[in-house]
Amino acid sequence: MIRNLLTPLALIVSLLTANSLAIAHHGTNAEYDSEHPITFQATVTEFAFSNPHVQIYFDVKDEKGKIVHWAVEAPSPGRLIRRGWTRDEIKAGDQITIVVDPARSGATVGGLRKLVLANGKELGVVHGYEGRPQ
């Protein structure tokens, strides 16, 4: 009798645990401040077009002229490809305008909102997570 109850109970606990981990992974509203996006004129240092999230690393100058390194998380390569991006669209050394939802912690990381190449080509208004406004 107890054995018959343990199997469904274990299944329920497993499903709840998996669901909470997925929500925690994609809980960007807690991690990034979408109410106060920041726009940068930046120089790309690295473009990692890989799963689970594309990463864009870039340098900007702060108000004192000091170089500050940033890392921004974008959606998966598959989602970006569907929005017109390519693997070799961005390279180290490229000058870009990038709009970022900054980390609430104050760290120089964030979520990608928009990216414009030096030639003016906009690579889509990109929101990496469901639930963000388009």
C-alpha atoms as a PDB file:
ATOM      1  CA  MET A   1       0.000   0.000   0.000  1.00  0.00           C
ATOM      2  CA  ILE A   2       2.754   2.472   0.956  1.00  0.00           C
ATOM      3  CA  ARG A   3       4.692   1.488  -2.144  1.00  0.00           C
ATOM      4  CA  ASN A   4       1.703   2.411  -4.328  1.00  0.00           C
ATOM      5  CA  LEU A   5       1.609   5.894  -2.747  1.00  0.00           C
ATOM      6  CA  LEU A   6       5.350   6.539  -2.992  1.00  0.00           C
ATOM      7  CA  THR A   7       5.556   6.301  -6.777  1.00  0.00           C
ATOM      8  CA  PRO A   8       3.012   9.070  -7.521  1.00  0.00           C
ATOM      9  CA  LEU A   9       4.439  11.182  -4.701  1.00  0.00           C
ATOM     10  CA  ALA A  10       7.968  10.851  -6.095  1.00  0.00           C
ATOM     11  CA  LEU A  11       6.677  11.801  -9.546  1.00  0.00           C
ATOM     12  CA  ILE A  12       4.953  14.928  -8.215  1.00  0.00           C
ATOM     13  CA  VAL A  13       8.063  16.016  -6.290  1.00  0.00           C
ATOM     14  CA  SER A  14      10.228  15.476  -9.396  1.00  0.00           C
ATOM     15  CA  LEU A  15       7.924  17.541 -11.609  1.00  0.00           C
ATOM     16  CA  LEU A  16       7.736  20.394  -9.107  1.00  0.00           C
ATOM     17  CA  THR A  17      11.510  20.438  -8.712  1.00  0.00           C
ATOM     18  CA  ALA A  18      12.135  20.463 -12.479  1.00  0.00           C
ATOM     19  CA  ASN A  19       9.595  23.241 -12.991  1.00  0.00           C
ATOM     20  CA  SER A  20      11.104  25.445 -10.291  1.00  0.00           C
ATOM     21  CA  LEU A  21      14.593  24.986 -11.773  1.00  0.00           C
ATOM     22  CA  ALA A  22      13.352  26.032 -15.210  1.00  0.00           C
ATOM     23  CA  ILE A  23      11.667  29.110 -13.766  1.00  0.00           C
ATOM     24  CA  ALA A  24      14.802  30.013 -11.793  1.00  0.00           C
ATOM     25  CA  HIS A  25      16.961  29.691 -14.930  1.00  0.00           C
ATOM     26  CA  HIS A  26      14.702  31.987 -16.952  1.00  0.00           C
ATOM     27  CA  GLY A  27      13.754  34.324 -14.139  1.00  0.00           C
ATOM     28  CA  THR A  28      15.375  37.353 -15.753  1.00  0.00           C
ATOM     29  CA  ASN A  29      12.936  39.803 -14.248  1.00  0.00           C
ATOM     30  CA  ALA A  30      14.700  39.239 -10.948  1.00  0.00           C
ATOM     31  CA  GLU A  31      18.178  39.309 -12.461  1.00  0.00           C
ATOM     32  CA  TYR A  32      17.977  42.157 -14.992  1.00  0.00           C
ATOM     33  CA  ASP A  33      16.366  45.591 -14.705  1.00  0.00           C
ATOM     34  CA  SER A  34      14.106  45.941 -17.756  1.00  0.00           C
ATOM     35  CA  GLU A  35      12.723  49.229 -16.412  1.00  0.00           C
ATOM     36  CA  HIS A  36      16.094  51.024 -16.833  1.00  0.00           C
ATOM     37  CA  PRO A  37      17.792  49.897 -20.074  1.00  0.00           C
ATOM     38  CA  ILE A  38      21.214  51.352 -20.887  1.00  0.00           C
ATOM     39  CA  THR A  39      22.450  52.231 -24.388  1.00  0.00           C
ATOM     40  CA  PHE A  40      26.163  51.913 -25.137  1.00  0.00           C
ATOM     41  CA  GLN A  41      28.442  52.778 -28.043  1.00  0.00           C
ATOM     42  CA  ALA A  42      30.733  49.793 -27.713  1.00  0.00           C
ATOM     43  CA  THR A  43      33.535  47.730 -29.220  1.00  0.00           C
ATOM     44  CA  VAL A  44      32.885  43.995 -29.464  1.00  0.00           C
ATOM     45  CA  THR A  45      35.605  41.883 -27.852  1.00  0.00           C
ATOM     46  CA  GLU A  46      33.982  38.462 -28.375  1.00  0.00           C
ATOM     47  CA  PHE A  47      30.819  37.001 -29.907  1.00  0.00           C
ATOM     48  CA  ALA A  48      29.978  33.501 -28.659  1.00  0.00           C
ATOM     49  CA  PHE A  49      27.204  32.142 -30.907  1.00  0.00           C
ATOM     50  CA  SER A  50      26.501  29.034 -28.859  1.00  0.00           C
ATOM     51  CA  ASN A  51      23.827  27.336 -26.766  1.00  0.00           C
ATOM     52  CA  PRO A  52      22.104  27.762 -24.450  1.00  0.00           C
ATOM     53  CA  HIS A  53      22.451  31.560 -24.802  1.00  0.00           C
ATOM     54  CA  VAL A  54      24.510  33.655 -27.191  1.00  0.00           C
ATOM     55  CA  GLN A  55      26.999  35.853 -25.331  1.00  0.00           C
ATOM     56  CA  ILE A  56      28.251  39.246 -26.494  1.00  0.00           C
ATOM     57  CA  TYR A  57      31.297  40.680 -24.768  1.00  0.00           C
ATOM     58  CA  PHE A  58      32.159  44.316 -25.323  1.00  0.00           C
ATOM     59  CA  ASP A  59      34.108  47.277 -23.971  1.00  0.00           C
ATOM     60  CA  VAL A  60      32.798  50.762 -23.249  1.00  0.00           C
ATOM     61  CA  LYS A  61      34.359  53.851 -21.736  1.00  0.00           C
ATOM     62  CA  ASP A  62      32.932  55.137 -18.479  1.00  0.00           C
ATOM     63  CA  GLU A  63      32.502  58.840 -17.665  1.00  0.00           C
ATOM     64  CA  LYS A  64      36.196  59.019 -16.630  1.00  0.00           C
ATOM     65  CA  GLY A  65      37.407  57.445 -19.883  1.00  0.00           C
ATOM     66  CA  LYS A  66      38.262  54.109 -18.232  1.00  0.00           C
ATOM     67  CA  ILE A  67      37.530  50.937 -20.260  1.00  0.00           C
ATOM     68  CA  VAL A  68      34.774  48.823 -18.706  1.00  0.00           C
ATOM     69  CA  HIS A  69      34.186  45.220 -19.828  1.00  0.00           C
ATOM     70  CA  TRP A  70      30.600  44.018 -20.226  1.00  0.00           C
ATOM     71  CA  ALA A  71      29.024  40.620 -20.921  1.00  0.00           C
ATOM     72  CA  VAL A  72      25.498  40.399 -22.272  1.00  0.00           C
ATOM     73  CA  GLU A  73      23.289  37.360 -22.590  1.00  0.00           C
ATOM     74  CA  ALA A  74      21.104  36.985 -25.679  1.00  0.00           C
ATOM     75  CA  PRO A  75      18.586  34.319 -26.709  1.00  0.00           C
ATOM     76  CA  SER A  76      19.647  30.974 -28.137  1.00  0.00           C
ATOM     77  CA  PRO A  77      21.247  30.813 -31.599  1.00  0.00           C
ATOM     78  CA  GLY A  78      18.066  29.247 -32.992  1.00  0.00           C
ATOM     79  CA  ARG A  79      15.900  32.131 -31.851  1.00  0.00           C
ATOM     80  CA  LEU A  80      18.370  34.694 -33.209  1.00  0.00           C
ATOM     81  CA  ILE A  81      18.640  32.930 -36.576  1.00  0.00           C
ATOM     82  CA  ARG A  82      14.839  33.129 -36.885  1.00  0.00           C
ATOM     83  CA  ARG A  83      15.201  36.896 -36.351  1.00  0.00           C
ATOM     84  CA  GLY A  84      17.779  37.237 -39.146  1.00  0.00           C
ATOM     85  CA  TRP A  85      21.068  36.915 -37.271  1.00  0.00           C
ATOM     86  CA  THR A  86      24.005  34.874 -38.569  1.00  0.00           C
ATOM     87  CA  ARG A  87      26.946  33.305 -36.790  1.00  0.00           C
ATOM     88  CA  ASP A  88      29.436  35.655 -38.432  1.00  0.00           C
ATOM     89  CA  GLU A  89      27.341  38.842 -38.283  1.00  0.00           C
ATOM     90  CA  ILE A  90      29.396  40.259 -35.398  1.00  0.00           C
ATOM     91  CA  LYS A  91      33.162  40.047 -34.930  1.00  0.00           C
ATOM     92  CA  ALA A  92      35.689  41.222 -32.367  1.00  0.00           C
ATOM     93  CA  GLY A  93      36.576  44.827 -33.112  1.00  0.00           C
ATOM     94  CA  ASP A  94      33.160  45.749 -34.514  1.00  0.00           C
ATOM     95  CA  GLN A  95      31.660  49.032 -33.355  1.00  0.00           C
ATOM     96  CA  ILE A  96      28.064  48.591 -32.206  1.00  0.00           C
ATOM     97  CA  THR A  97      25.261  50.370 -30.449  1.00  0.00           C
ATOM     98  CA  ILE A  98      23.785  48.025 -27.880  1.00  0.00           C
ATOM     99  CA  VAL A  99      20.819  48.399 -25.553  1.00  0.00           C
ATOM    100  CA  VAL A 100      21.066  46.321 -22.399  1.00  0.00           C
ATOM    101  CA  ASP A 101      18.828  45.495 -19.461  1.00  0.00           C
ATOM    102  CA  PRO A 102      21.519  45.808 -16.761  1.00  0.00           C
ATOM    103  CA  ALA A 103      21.991  43.462 -13.824  1.00  0.00           C
ATOM    104  CA  ARG A 104      20.165  44.554 -10.696  1.00  0.00           C
ATOM    105  CA  SER A 105      23.301  43.671  -8.729  1.00  0.00           C
ATOM    106  CA  GLY A 106      25.311  46.426 -10.408  1.00  0.00           C
ATOM    107  CA  ALA A 107      27.628  43.911 -12.116  1.00  0.00           C
ATOM    108  CA  THR A 108      28.608  44.751 -15.703  1.00  0.00           C
ATOM    109  CA  VAL A 109      26.386  42.064 -17.189  1.00  0.00           C
ATOM    110  CA  GLY A 110      22.920  42.180 -18.640  1.00  0.00           C
ATOM    111  CA  GLY A 111      20.287  40.927 -21.016  1.00  0.00           C
ATOM    112  CA  LEU A 112      20.309  42.009 -24.657  1.00  0.00           C
ATOM    113  CA  ARG A 113      17.463  44.249 -25.732  1.00  0.00           C
ATOM    114  CA  LYS A 114      18.670  45.644 -29.087  1.00  0.00           C
ATOM    115  CA  LEU A 115      21.827  45.743 -31.216  1.00  0.00           C
ATOM    116  CA  VAL A 116      22.704  48.026 -34.156  1.00  0.00           C
ATOM    117  CA  LEU A 117      25.775  47.507 -36.338  1.00  0.00           C
ATOM    118  CA  ALA A 118      28.045  50.364 -37.420  1.00  0.00           C
ATOM    119  CA  ASN A 119      26.431  50.328 -40.892  1.00  0.00           C
ATOM    120  CA  GLY A 120      23.036  51.007 -39.283  1.00  0.00           C
ATOM    121  CA  LYS A 121      21.693  47.489 -39.695  1.00  0.00           C
ATOM    122  CA  GLU A 122      19.509  46.633 -36.726  1.00  0.00           C
ATOM    123  CA  LEU A 123      19.677  42.998 -35.727  1.00  0.00           C
ATOM    124  CA  GLY A 124      16.174  42.958 -34.417  1.00  0.00           C
ATOM    125  CA  VAL A 125      14.735  44.105 -31.165  1.00  0.00           C
ATOM    126  CA  VAL A 126      15.787  41.050 -29.256  1.00  0.00           C
ATOM    127  CA  HIS A 127      14.173  39.855 -26.095  1.00  0.00           C
ATOM    128  CA  GLY A 128      15.631  36.613 -24.870  1.00  0.00           C
ATOM    129  CA  TYR A 129      12.885  35.601 -22.552  1.00  0.00           C
ATOM    130  CA  GLU A 130       9.193  35.022 -22.907  1.00  0.00           C
ATOM    131  CA  GLY A 131       7.090  37.564 -21.142  1.00  0.00           C
ATOM    132  CA  ARG A 132       9.244  40.582 -21.961  1.00  0.00           C
ATOM    133  CA  PRO A 133       7.539  43.216 -24.086  1.00  0.00           C
ATOM    134  CA  GLN A 134       8.415  43.152 -27.765  1.00  0.00           C
END
